[in-house]
Amino acid sequence: MSSFSFNGERKSYIHIERGWKRPVWAPLRRNFLSVPSYPGARLLNTQTEMRVFSVPVGIIVPSGTKLEILKEDIADWLITDQPKELIFDVEPNRTYLAVINEEFDIDEFVDIGQGTLKFICPMPYKLGKTNTHKFTQSWSTEITSNFTNKGSVEVPALIEIEAKKPSTFLDVWFGAYPYDRDYFRIGYPLTVEETTVQERERVLWDEMSTTIGWTPVTGVFDDMKGTGELKVKDATAIYSPYYGEEGTKGFHGGIAKKSIPGGPMQDFEMEVRVHLQSKNIDQMGRVEVLLLDEASNIVTRINMNDLYWDAEI
């Protein structure tokens, strides 16, 4: 018995009824323009519409299977948010992207044991297997790959590129060599007066898996007091399990600093993830990251805080 797979899965208890014929091509709509005193009409364009499969199927309920469990299994299989791969046994080398029609009545389908599944393909074309072609460098400075798309519709190739050397631009040429070619360009070539610079260069990346390299800060700094301690949590963060003696006034807790490799710098970006959780509505606190200059003056700061007695975050 013939069947199909959908969303990478097939059900052994569902089969397609005999006599069903799938449409060979997607529906076409011809748009014509009629002109007075002109015989017939002019063809303006041809529009390919959605492909619809009305598949008559039967179901053989496995022995001992509860119908409600079977309904849930079929619903989880067929109902999807986005189009999924649909492959029929009679055409295993072709794939459709489809969703089930919203009018599908699973109760009637399971109770009667047969029904019609209506699959809708928003993208009407059927797909063949994915072909991979390598690029080679043989007789010129270009890296080329020659292949022919044997389908009925032109499809752009997906190109993956790994640059072995730094470059300010990349040209991708396509078309018949050598004169019937187009290209697109990423970046720009340098003039003889220009020099390259690194757009972004990571100078510090800390996964907070250890406190090694961090120096505890004690005493008063800005409006804070360095008290308590800092520890590693789940090898992904540094937190303060102890903020210092009870009754200490003002912002206080664990403070640590770390030098940026390479020394002072300018024109920088900073990204940091912080977490602040108050356990009671009357708790207040702040988690803060500072950047300092050579004289330990604050250059920039980012913080998350809860500074209100009547608020909880």
C-alpha atoms as a PDB file:
ATOM      1  CA  MET A   1       0.000   0.000   0.000  1.00  0.00           C
ATOM      2  CA  SER A   2       1.233   3.447  -0.901  1.00  0.00           C
ATOM      3  CA  SER A   3       1.655   6.105   1.756  1.00  0.00           C
ATOM      4  CA  PHE A   4       3.625   9.283   2.427  1.00  0.00           C
ATOM      5  CA  SER A   5       5.902  10.951   4.952  1.00  0.00           C
ATOM      6  CA  PHE A   6       5.280  14.397   6.424  1.00  0.00           C
ATOM      7  CA  ASN A   7       7.547  16.496   8.618  1.00  0.00           C
ATOM      8  CA  GLY A   8      10.167  13.750   8.476  1.00  0.00           C
ATOM      9  CA  GLU A   9       7.794  11.075   9.818  1.00  0.00           C
ATOM     10  CA  ARG A  10       5.421   8.462   8.394  1.00  0.00           C
ATOM     11  CA  LYS A  11       2.631   6.469  10.024  1.00  0.00           C
ATOM     12  CA  SER A  12       2.438   2.761   9.245  1.00  0.00           C
ATOM     13  CA  TYR A  13      -1.307   2.673   9.912  1.00  0.00           C
ATOM     14  CA  ILE A  14      -2.170   5.291   7.249  1.00  0.00           C
ATOM     15  CA  HIS A  15      -2.279   4.454   3.527  1.00  0.00           C
ATOM     16  CA  ILE A  16      -3.379   6.236   0.361  1.00  0.00           C
ATOM     17  CA  GLU A  17      -6.487   4.807  -1.312  1.00  0.00           C
ATOM     18  CA  ARG A  18      -6.123   3.238  -4.740  1.00  0.00           C
ATOM     19  CA  GLY A  19      -6.823   5.344  -7.799  1.00  0.00           C
ATOM     20  CA  TRP A  20      -5.564   8.686  -6.486  1.00  0.00           C
ATOM     21  CA  LYS A  21      -3.575  10.692  -9.001  1.00  0.00           C
ATOM     22  CA  ARG A  22      -1.526  13.660  -7.944  1.00  0.00           C
ATOM     23  CA  PRO A  23      -1.469  16.713 -10.236  1.00  0.00           C
ATOM     24  CA  VAL A  24       1.586  16.758 -12.488  1.00  0.00           C
ATOM     25  CA  TRP A  25       2.064  20.534 -12.296  1.00  0.00           C
ATOM     26  CA  ALA A  26       0.878  23.393 -10.145  1.00  0.00           C
ATOM     27  CA  PRO A  27      -2.241  25.339 -11.202  1.00  0.00           C
ATOM     28  CA  LEU A  28      -1.573  28.108 -13.702  1.00  0.00           C
ATOM     29  CA  ARG A  29      -3.573  31.270 -14.194  1.00  0.00           C
ATOM     30  CA  ARG A  30      -3.244  33.112 -17.480  1.00  0.00           C
ATOM     31  CA  ASN A  31      -3.910  36.832 -17.396  1.00  0.00           C
ATOM     32  CA  PHE A  32      -5.159  38.205 -20.711  1.00  0.00           C
ATOM     33  CA  LEU A  33      -5.904  41.666 -22.032  1.00  0.00           C
ATOM     34  CA  SER A  34      -8.699  42.130 -24.538  1.00  0.00           C
ATOM     35  CA  VAL A  35      -8.400  45.054 -26.915  1.00  0.00           C
ATOM     36  CA  PRO A  36     -11.283  46.378 -29.047  1.00  0.00           C
ATOM     37  CA  SER A  37     -10.896  45.564 -32.745  1.00  0.00           C
ATOM     38  CA  TYR A  38      -8.067  43.152 -31.900  1.00  0.00           C
ATOM     39  CA  PRO A  39      -8.806  39.472 -32.518  1.00  0.00           C
ATOM     40  CA  GLY A  40      -8.588  37.336 -29.426  1.00  0.00           C
ATOM     41  CA  ALA A  41      -6.516  38.740 -26.570  1.00  0.00           C
ATOM     42  CA  ARG A  42      -2.971  39.446 -25.517  1.00  0.00           C
ATOM     43  CA  LEU A  43      -1.299  37.271 -22.898  1.00  0.00           C
ATOM     44  CA  LEU A  44      -0.042  39.573 -20.144  1.00  0.00           C
ATOM     45  CA  ASN A  45       1.549  37.025 -17.824  1.00  0.00           C
ATOM     46  CA  THR A  46       1.241  33.585 -16.317  1.00  0.00           C
ATOM     47  CA  GLN A  47       0.890  33.176 -12.563  1.00  0.00           C
ATOM     48  CA  THR A  48       1.687  29.926 -10.772  1.00  0.00           C
ATOM     49  CA  GLU A  49      -0.766  29.447  -7.909  1.00  0.00           C
ATOM     50  CA  MET A  50      -0.617  27.342  -4.773  1.00  0.00           C
ATOM     51  CA  ARG A  51      -0.525  23.601  -5.250  1.00  0.00           C
ATOM     52  CA  VAL A  52      -3.232  21.635  -3.412  1.00  0.00           C
ATOM     53  CA  PHE A  53      -3.250  17.882  -2.774  1.00  0.00           C
ATOM     54  CA  SER A  54      -6.566  16.268  -1.797  1.00  0.00           C
ATOM     55  CA  VAL A  55      -5.317  12.850  -0.721  1.00  0.00           C
ATOM     56  CA  PRO A  56      -7.897  10.089  -0.010  1.00  0.00           C
ATOM     57  CA  VAL A  57      -6.506   7.985   2.816  1.00  0.00           C
ATOM     58  CA  GLY A  58      -7.547   5.069   4.932  1.00  0.00           C
ATOM     59  CA  ILE A  59      -6.529   4.237   8.458  1.00  0.00           C
ATOM     60  CA  ILE A  60      -5.997   0.818  10.013  1.00  0.00           C
ATOM     61  CA  VAL A  61      -6.165   1.238  13.772  1.00  0.00           C
ATOM     62  CA  PRO A  62      -3.452  -0.850  15.447  1.00  0.00           C
ATOM     63  CA  SER A  63      -4.831  -3.526  17.744  1.00  0.00           C
ATOM     64  CA  GLY A  64      -5.246  -2.358  21.330  1.00  0.00           C
ATOM     65  CA  THR A  65      -4.763   1.325  20.491  1.00  0.00           C
ATOM     66  CA  LYS A  66      -7.059   3.814  22.196  1.00  0.00           C
ATOM     67  CA  LEU A  67      -8.747   6.130  19.718  1.00  0.00           C
ATOM     68  CA  GLU A  68      -8.134   9.279  21.756  1.00  0.00           C
ATOM     69  CA  ILE A  69      -4.411   8.526  21.959  1.00  0.00           C
ATOM     70  CA  LEU A  70      -4.385   7.861  18.210  1.00  0.00           C
ATOM     71  CA  LYS A  71      -6.107  11.200  17.512  1.00  0.00           C
ATOM     72  CA  GLU A  72      -3.496  13.053  19.554  1.00  0.00           C
ATOM     73  CA  ASP A  73      -0.697  11.249  17.716  1.00  0.00           C
ATOM     74  CA  ILE A  74      -2.090  12.199  14.293  1.00  0.00           C
ATOM     75  CA  ALA A  75      -2.758  15.811  15.329  1.00  0.00           C
ATOM     76  CA  ASP A  76       0.789  16.246  16.663  1.00  0.00           C
ATOM     77  CA  TRP A  77       2.090  14.861  13.385  1.00  0.00           C
ATOM     78  CA  LEU A  78       0.009  16.809  10.872  1.00  0.00           C
ATOM     79  CA  ILE A  79      -0.669  20.176  12.509  1.00  0.00           C
ATOM     80  CA  THR A  80       2.336  22.499  12.099  1.00  0.00           C
ATOM     81  CA  ASP A  81       2.908  26.249  12.187  1.00  0.00           C
ATOM     82  CA  GLN A  82       5.060  26.332   9.052  1.00  0.00           C
ATOM     83  CA  PRO A  83       5.193  24.278   5.826  1.00  0.00           C
ATOM     84  CA  LYS A  84       7.005  20.970   6.271  1.00  0.00           C
ATOM     85  CA  GLU A  85       8.422  18.373   3.898  1.00  0.00           C
ATOM     86  CA  LEU A  86       5.835  16.134   2.203  1.00  0.00           C
ATOM     87  CA  ILE A  87       7.125  13.109   0.259  1.00  0.00           C
ATOM     88  CA  PHE A  88       4.923  10.519  -1.480  1.00  0.00           C
ATOM     89  CA  ASP A  89       6.084   6.907  -1.856  1.00  0.00           C
ATOM     90  CA  VAL A  90       5.321   6.975  -5.597  1.00  0.00           C
ATOM     91  CA  GLU A  91       7.684   9.941  -6.043  1.00  0.00           C
ATOM     92  CA  PRO A  92      10.465   9.483  -3.462  1.00  0.00           C
ATOM     93  CA  ASN A  93      12.909  11.829  -5.211  1.00  0.00           C
ATOM     94  CA  ARG A  94      10.593  14.861  -5.033  1.00  0.00           C
ATOM     95  CA  THR A  95       9.736  16.952  -1.981  1.00  0.00           C
ATOM     96  CA  TYR A  96       6.853  19.361  -1.429  1.00  0.00           C
ATOM     97  CA  LEU A  97       6.566  21.960   1.343  1.00  0.00           C
ATOM     98  CA  ALA A  98       3.030  21.766   2.706  1.00  0.00           C
ATOM     99  CA  VAL A  99       0.653  22.442   5.577  1.00  0.00           C
ATOM    100  CA  ILE A 100      -2.560  20.592   6.372  1.00  0.00           C
ATOM    101  CA  ASN A 101      -5.812  22.438   5.694  1.00  0.00           C
ATOM    102  CA  GLU A 102      -7.398  23.947   8.811  1.00  0.00           C
ATOM    103  CA  GLU A 103     -10.718  22.213   8.010  1.00  0.00           C
ATOM    104  CA  PHE A 104      -9.221  18.804   8.782  1.00  0.00           C
ATOM    105  CA  ASP A 105     -11.624  16.908  11.103  1.00  0.00           C
ATOM    106  CA  ILE A 106      -9.517  14.380  12.964  1.00  0.00           C
ATOM    107  CA  ASP A 107     -12.456  12.973  14.956  1.00  0.00           C
ATOM    108  CA  GLU A 108     -14.369  12.023  11.813  1.00  0.00           C
ATOM    109  CA  PHE A 109     -11.206  10.726  10.176  1.00  0.00           C
ATOM    110  CA  VAL A 110     -10.378   8.293  13.007  1.00  0.00           C
ATOM    111  CA  ASP A 111     -13.965   7.240  13.776  1.00  0.00           C
ATOM    112  CA  ILE A 112     -14.864   6.383  10.163  1.00  0.00           C
ATOM    113  CA  GLY A 113     -11.434   5.022   9.270  1.00  0.00           C
ATOM    114  CA  GLN A 114     -11.086   6.956   6.051  1.00  0.00           C
ATOM    115  CA  GLY A 115     -11.143  10.514   4.805  1.00  0.00           C
ATOM    116  CA  THR A 116      -9.378  13.104   2.694  1.00  0.00           C
ATOM    117  CA  LEU A 117      -6.273  14.964   3.790  1.00  0.00           C
ATOM    118  CA  LYS A 118      -5.940  18.320   2.071  1.00  0.00           C
ATOM    119  CA  PHE A 119      -2.347  19.526   1.881  1.00  0.00           C
ATOM    120  CA  ILE A 120      -1.657  23.084   0.724  1.00  0.00           C
ATOM    121  CA  CYS A 121       1.719  24.041  -0.742  1.00  0.00           C
ATOM    122  CA  PRO A 122       2.199  27.849  -0.556  1.00  0.00           C
ATOM    123  CA  MET A 123       5.424  27.393  -2.536  1.00  0.00           C
ATOM    124  CA  PRO A 124       3.990  25.446  -5.491  1.00  0.00           C
ATOM    125  CA  TYR A 125       7.135  23.859  -6.896  1.00  0.00           C
ATOM    126  CA  LYS A 126       8.388  20.392  -6.061  1.00  0.00           C
ATOM    127  CA  LEU A 127      11.992  20.119  -4.993  1.00  0.00           C
ATOM    128  CA  GLY A 128      14.647  17.651  -6.001  1.00  0.00           C
ATOM    129  CA  LYS A 129      17.580  16.529  -3.916  1.00  0.00           C
ATOM    130  CA  THR A 130      20.108  19.063  -2.684  1.00  0.00           C
ATOM    131  CA  ASN A 131      23.198  19.136  -4.898  1.00  0.00           C
ATOM    132  CA  THR A 132      26.564  20.284  -3.583  1.00  0.00           C
ATOM    133  CA  HIS A 133      29.270  21.577  -5.922  1.00  0.00           C
ATOM    134  CA  LYS A 134      32.850  22.368  -4.956  1.00  0.00           C
ATOM    135  CA  PHE A 135      34.853  25.377  -6.095  1.00  0.00           C
ATOM    136  CA  THR A 136      38.298  24.805  -7.575  1.00  0.00           C
ATOM    137  CA  GLN A 137      41.161  27.052  -8.653  1.00  0.00           C
ATOM    138  CA  SER A 138      42.890  25.757 -11.765  1.00  0.00           C
ATOM    139  CA  TRP A 139      43.933  28.060 -14.599  1.00  0.00           C
ATOM    140  CA  SER A 140      43.298  31.572 -13.229  1.00  0.00           C
ATOM    141  CA  THR A 141      43.160  33.541 -10.017  1.00  0.00           C
ATOM    142  CA  GLU A 142      39.426  32.884  -9.843  1.00  0.00           C
ATOM    143  CA  ILE A 143      37.881  30.068  -7.855  1.00  0.00           C
ATOM    144  CA  THR A 144      35.159  28.560 -10.045  1.00  0.00           C
ATOM    145  CA  SER A 145      32.385  25.984  -9.951  1.00  0.00           C
ATOM    146  CA  ASN A 146      30.473  24.963 -13.086  1.00  0.00           C
ATOM    147  CA  PHE A 147      27.067  23.304 -12.768  1.00  0.00           C
ATOM    148  CA  THR A 148      23.629  23.337 -14.399  1.00  0.00           C
ATOM    149  CA  ASN A 149      20.305  23.568 -12.615  1.00  0.00           C
ATOM    150  CA  LYS A 150      18.137  20.923 -14.309  1.00  0.00           C
ATOM    151  CA  GLY A 151      14.884  22.107 -12.756  1.00  0.00           C
ATOM    152  CA  SER A 152      12.074  23.989 -14.479  1.00  0.00           C
ATOM    153  CA  VAL A 153      12.515  27.181 -12.431  1.00  0.00           C
ATOM    154  CA  GLU A 154      15.663  29.257 -11.974  1.00  0.00           C
ATOM    155  CA  VAL A 155      16.955  28.987  -8.418  1.00  0.00           C
ATOM    156  CA  PRO A 156      19.880  31.005  -7.004  1.00  0.00           C
ATOM    157  CA  ALA A 157      22.721  28.999  -5.546  1.00  0.00           C
ATOM    158  CA  LEU A 158      23.571  29.225  -1.855  1.00  0.00           C
ATOM    159  CA  ILE A 159      27.286  29.902  -1.591  1.00  0.00           C
ATOM    160  CA  GLU A 160      29.335  29.277   1.548  1.00  0.00           C
ATOM    161  CA  ILE A 161      32.688  31.046   1.627  1.00  0.00           C
ATOM    162  CA  GLU A 162      35.537  30.821   4.118  1.00  0.00           C
ATOM    163  CA  ALA A 163      38.163  33.527   3.623  1.00  0.00           C
ATOM    164  CA  LYS A 164      41.705  32.279   4.134  1.00  0.00           C
ATOM    165  CA  LYS A 165      43.244  35.762   4.112  1.00  0.00           C
ATOM    166  CA  PRO A 166      41.958  39.201   5.193  1.00  0.00           C
ATOM    167  CA  SER A 167      40.336  41.201   2.409  1.00  0.00           C
ATOM    168  CA  THR A 168      38.313  44.403   2.178  1.00  0.00           C
ATOM    169  CA  PHE A 169      35.969  43.067  -0.512  1.00  0.00           C
ATOM    170  CA  LEU A 170      34.628  39.933  -2.149  1.00  0.00           C
ATOM    171  CA  ASP A 171      33.259  39.590  -5.708  1.00  0.00           C
ATOM    172  CA  VAL A 172      30.994  36.704  -6.701  1.00  0.00           C
ATOM    173  CA  TRP A 173      30.579  36.301 -10.463  1.00  0.00           C
ATOM    174  CA  PHE A 174      27.871  34.237 -12.132  1.00  0.00           C
ATOM    175  CA  GLY A 175      26.826  33.566 -15.714  1.00  0.00           C
ATOM    176  CA  ALA A 176      28.451  32.282 -18.894  1.00  0.00           C
ATOM    177  CA  TYR A 177      32.215  32.880 -19.055  1.00  0.00           C
ATOM    178  CA  PRO A 178      33.749  35.229 -20.048  1.00  0.00           C
ATOM    179  CA  TYR A 179      31.500  38.029 -21.342  1.00  0.00           C
ATOM    180  CA  ASP A 180      27.971  37.171 -20.197  1.00  0.00           C
ATOM    181  CA  ARG A 181      28.584  37.480 -16.477  1.00  0.00           C
ATOM    182  CA  ASP A 182      27.122  39.548 -13.656  1.00  0.00           C
ATOM    183  CA  TYR A 183      28.447  39.913 -10.134  1.00  0.00           C
ATOM    184  CA  PHE A 184      27.684  41.203  -6.686  1.00  0.00           C
ATOM    185  CA  ARG A 185      30.247  42.716  -4.348  1.00  0.00           C
ATOM    186  CA  ILE A 186      30.638  42.725  -0.581  1.00  0.00           C
ATOM    187  CA  GLY A 187      32.851  45.556   0.698  1.00  0.00           C
ATOM    188  CA  TYR A 188      35.074  47.838  -1.391  1.00  0.00           C
ATOM    189  CA  PRO A 189      38.579  47.585  -2.919  1.00  0.00           C
ATOM    190  CA  LEU A 190      41.254  49.843  -1.465  1.00  0.00           C
ATOM    191  CA  THR A 191      42.776  52.737  -3.333  1.00  0.00           C
ATOM    192  CA  VAL A 192      46.551  53.177  -3.325  1.00  0.00           C
ATOM    193  CA  GLU A 193      46.244  55.891  -0.652  1.00  0.00           C
ATOM    194  CA  GLU A 194      44.175  53.771   1.763  1.00  0.00           C
ATOM    195  CA  THR A 195      45.264  51.289   4.403  1.00  0.00           C
ATOM    196  CA  THR A 196      43.225  48.631   6.179  1.00  0.00           C
ATOM    197  CA  VAL A 197      42.201  48.729   9.815  1.00  0.00           C
ATOM    198  CA  GLN A 198      40.517  46.124  11.971  1.00  0.00           C
ATOM    199  CA  GLU A 199      36.845  47.086  12.254  1.00  0.00           C
ATOM    200  CA  ARG A 200      36.266  45.221  15.507  1.00  0.00           C
ATOM    201  CA  GLU A 201      38.854  43.356  17.522  1.00  0.00           C
ATOM    202  CA  ARG A 202      37.972  41.508  20.698  1.00  0.00           C
ATOM    203  CA  VAL A 203      40.385  42.438  23.472  1.00  0.00           C
ATOM    204  CA  LEU A 204      38.639  40.831  26.442  1.00  0.00           C
ATOM    205  CA  TRP A 205      36.247  37.901  26.627  1.00  0.00           C
ATOM    206  CA  ASP A 206      35.481  36.466  30.050  1.00  0.00           C
ATOM    207  CA  GLU A 207      33.009  33.600  30.480  1.00  0.00           C
ATOM    208  CA  MET A 208      33.113  34.129  34.251  1.00  0.00           C
ATOM    209  CA  SER A 209      34.047  30.503  34.865  1.00  0.00           C
ATOM    210  CA  THR A 210      36.730  31.424  37.417  1.00  0.00           C
ATOM    211  CA  THR A 211      37.741  34.285  39.684  1.00  0.00           C
ATOM    212  CA  ILE A 212      41.399  33.877  38.690  1.00  0.00           C
ATOM    213  CA  GLY A 213      42.581  37.174  37.213  1.00  0.00           C
ATOM    214  CA  TRP A 214      40.086  39.206  39.237  1.00  0.00           C
ATOM    215  CA  THR A 215      41.457  41.244  42.149  1.00  0.00           C
ATOM    216  CA  PRO A 216      39.150  41.929  45.123  1.00  0.00           C
ATOM    217  CA  VAL A 217      38.536  45.619  45.885  1.00  0.00           C
ATOM    218  CA  THR A 218      38.116  46.607  49.532  1.00  0.00           C
ATOM    219  CA  GLY A 219      37.285  49.914  51.124  1.00  0.00           C
ATOM    220  CA  VAL A 220      35.323  52.776  49.583  1.00  0.00           C
ATOM    221  CA  PHE A 221      35.131  53.259  45.823  1.00  0.00           C
ATOM    222  CA  ASP A 222      32.812  55.899  44.362  1.00  0.00           C
ATOM    223  CA  ASP A 223      29.532  55.420  46.279  1.00  0.00           C
ATOM    224  CA  MET A 224      30.248  51.765  47.096  1.00  0.00           C
ATOM    225  CA  LYS A 225      32.047  49.788  49.773  1.00  0.00           C
ATOM    226  CA  GLY A 226      33.991  46.659  48.916  1.00  0.00           C
ATOM    227  CA  THR A 227      32.803  44.076  51.442  1.00  0.00           C
ATOM    228  CA  GLY A 228      31.722  40.463  51.301  1.00  0.00           C
ATOM    229  CA  GLU A 229      33.021  38.031  48.713  1.00  0.00           C
ATOM    230  CA  LEU A 230      32.609  36.856  45.124  1.00  0.00           C
ATOM    231  CA  LYS A 231      32.246  33.265  43.928  1.00  0.00           C
ATOM    232  CA  VAL A 232      31.653  31.409  40.657  1.00  0.00           C
ATOM    233  CA  LYS A 233      28.142  30.111  39.926  1.00  0.00           C
ATOM    234  CA  ASP A 234      27.631  27.211  37.482  1.00  0.00           C
ATOM    235  CA  ALA A 235      30.891  28.157  35.680  1.00  0.00           C
ATOM    236  CA  THR A 236      28.971  30.923  33.863  1.00  0.00           C
ATOM    237  CA  ALA A 237      28.795  33.846  36.308  1.00  0.00           C
ATOM    238  CA  ILE A 238      30.365  35.522  39.316  1.00  0.00           C
ATOM    239  CA  TYR A 239      28.008  36.377  42.166  1.00  0.00           C
ATOM    240  CA  SER A 240      28.161  37.638  45.733  1.00  0.00           C
ATOM    241  CA  PRO A 241      26.868  35.104  48.285  1.00  0.00           C
ATOM    242  CA  TYR A 242      27.835  37.388  51.210  1.00  0.00           C
ATOM    243  CA  TYR A 243      27.498  41.186  51.112  1.00  0.00           C
ATOM    244  CA  GLY A 244      29.275  42.013  54.352  1.00  0.00           C
ATOM    245  CA  GLU A 245      28.304  42.686  57.945  1.00  0.00           C
ATOM    246  CA  GLU A 246      24.650  43.247  58.715  1.00  0.00           C
ATOM    247  CA  GLY A 247      23.857  46.907  59.229  1.00  0.00           C
ATOM    248  CA  THR A 248      26.432  48.288  56.794  1.00  0.00           C
ATOM    249  CA  LYS A 249      24.970  51.432  55.267  1.00  0.00           C
ATOM    250  CA  GLY A 250      24.990  52.376  51.579  1.00  0.00           C
ATOM    251  CA  PHE A 251      25.809  50.208  48.613  1.00  0.00           C
ATOM    252  CA  HIS A 252      28.129  47.427  49.697  1.00  0.00           C
ATOM    253  CA  GLY A 253      29.069  43.926  48.597  1.00  0.00           C
ATOM    254  CA  GLY A 254      31.665  42.080  46.560  1.00  0.00           C
ATOM    255  CA  ILE A 255      33.741  44.225  44.185  1.00  0.00           C
ATOM    256  CA  ALA A 256      36.547  43.013  41.898  1.00  0.00           C
ATOM    257  CA  LYS A 257      38.587  44.488  39.058  1.00  0.00           C
ATOM    258  CA  LYS A 258      40.517  43.131  36.100  1.00  0.00           C
ATOM    259  CA  SER A 259      42.996  44.700  33.678  1.00  0.00           C
ATOM    260  CA  ILE A 260      42.204  44.814  29.958  1.00  0.00           C
ATOM    261  CA  PRO A 261      44.994  43.169  27.924  1.00  0.00           C
ATOM    262  CA  GLY A 262      46.843  45.614  25.706  1.00  0.00           C
ATOM    263  CA  GLY A 263      46.565  48.577  28.030  1.00  0.00           C
ATOM    264  CA  PRO A 264      44.557  51.787  27.570  1.00  0.00           C
ATOM    265  CA  MET A 265      42.347  52.105  24.491  1.00  0.00           C
ATOM    266  CA  GLN A 266      39.712  54.302  22.932  1.00  0.00           C
ATOM    267  CA  ASP A 267      36.789  53.858  20.514  1.00  0.00           C
ATOM    268  CA  PHE A 268      35.488  50.714  22.180  1.00  0.00           C
ATOM    269  CA  GLU A 269      32.277  48.757  22.684  1.00  0.00           C
ATOM    270  CA  MET A 270      31.259  46.791  25.761  1.00  0.00           C
ATOM    271  CA  GLU A 271      28.677  44.036  26.038  1.00  0.00           C
ATOM    272  CA  VAL A 272      27.864  42.462  29.377  1.00  0.00           C
ATOM    273  CA  ARG A 273      25.113  40.266  30.814  1.00  0.00           C
ATOM    274  CA  VAL A 274      23.967  40.947  34.364  1.00  0.00           C
ATOM    275  CA  HIS A 275      21.281  39.454  36.614  1.00  0.00           C
ATOM    276  CA  LEU A 276      19.560  41.032  39.602  1.00  0.00           C
ATOM    277  CA  GLN A 277      16.875  39.277  41.608  1.00  0.00           C
ATOM    278  CA  SER A 278      15.329  40.658  44.797  1.00  0.00           C
ATOM    279  CA  LYS A 279      13.689  38.011  46.971  1.00  0.00           C
ATOM    280  CA  ASN A 280      11.467  40.387  48.935  1.00  0.00           C
ATOM    281  CA  ILE A 281       9.691  43.639  48.112  1.00  0.00           C
ATOM    282  CA  ASP A 282      11.689  45.543  50.747  1.00  0.00           C
ATOM    283  CA  GLN A 283      15.091  44.511  49.337  1.00  0.00           C
ATOM    284  CA  MET A 284      17.162  46.954  47.293  1.00  0.00           C
ATOM    285  CA  GLY A 285      20.357  46.437  45.342  1.00  0.00           C
ATOM    286  CA  ARG A 286      22.472  47.096  42.295  1.00  0.00           C
ATOM    287  CA  VAL A 287      24.725  45.082  40.003  1.00  0.00           C
ATOM    288  CA  GLU A 288      27.171  47.241  38.090  1.00  0.00           C
ATOM    289  CA  VAL A 289      30.045  47.057  35.605  1.00  0.00           C
ATOM    290  CA  LEU A 290      32.529  49.947  35.385  1.00  0.00           C
ATOM    291  CA  LEU A 291      35.310  50.808  32.965  1.00  0.00           C
ATOM    292  CA  LEU A 292      38.194  52.799  34.466  1.00  0.00           C
ATOM    293  CA  ASP A 293      41.072  54.786  33.020  1.00  0.00           C
ATOM    294  CA  GLU A 294      44.722  54.488  34.082  1.00  0.00           C
ATOM    295  CA  ALA A 295      44.063  56.674  37.146  1.00  0.00           C
ATOM    296  CA  SER A 296      41.060  54.508  38.182  1.00  0.00           C
ATOM    297  CA  ASN A 297      38.603  57.230  37.202  1.00  0.00           C
ATOM    298  CA  ILE A 298      35.256  55.994  35.929  1.00  0.00           C
ATOM    299  CA  VAL A 299      34.982  56.220  32.130  1.00  0.00           C
ATOM    300  CA  THR A 300      31.666  54.439  31.677  1.00  0.00           C
ATOM    301  CA  ARG A 301      29.241  52.365  33.720  1.00  0.00           C
ATOM    302  CA  ILE A 302      26.298  50.087  33.160  1.00  0.00           C
ATOM    303  CA  ASN A 303      24.054  48.782  35.909  1.00  0.00           C
ATOM    304  CA  MET A 304      20.756  47.162  36.784  1.00  0.00           C
ATOM    305  CA  ASN A 305      19.206  48.351  40.026  1.00  0.00           C
ATOM    306  CA  ASP A 306      16.237  48.156  42.366  1.00  0.00           C
ATOM    307  CA  LEU A 307      16.241  51.377  44.414  1.00  0.00           C
ATOM    308  CA  TYR A 308      12.661  51.453  45.698  1.00  0.00           C
ATOM    309  CA  TRP A 309      11.218  49.985  48.886  1.00  0.00           C
ATOM    310  CA  ASP A 310       7.846  49.331  47.249  1.00  0.00           C
ATOM    311  CA  ALA A 311       9.106  47.591  44.085  1.00  0.00           C
ATOM    312  CA  GLU A 312      10.298  44.081  43.326  1.00  0.00           C
ATOM    313  CA  ILE A 313      12.151  42.794  40.245  1.00  0.00           C
END
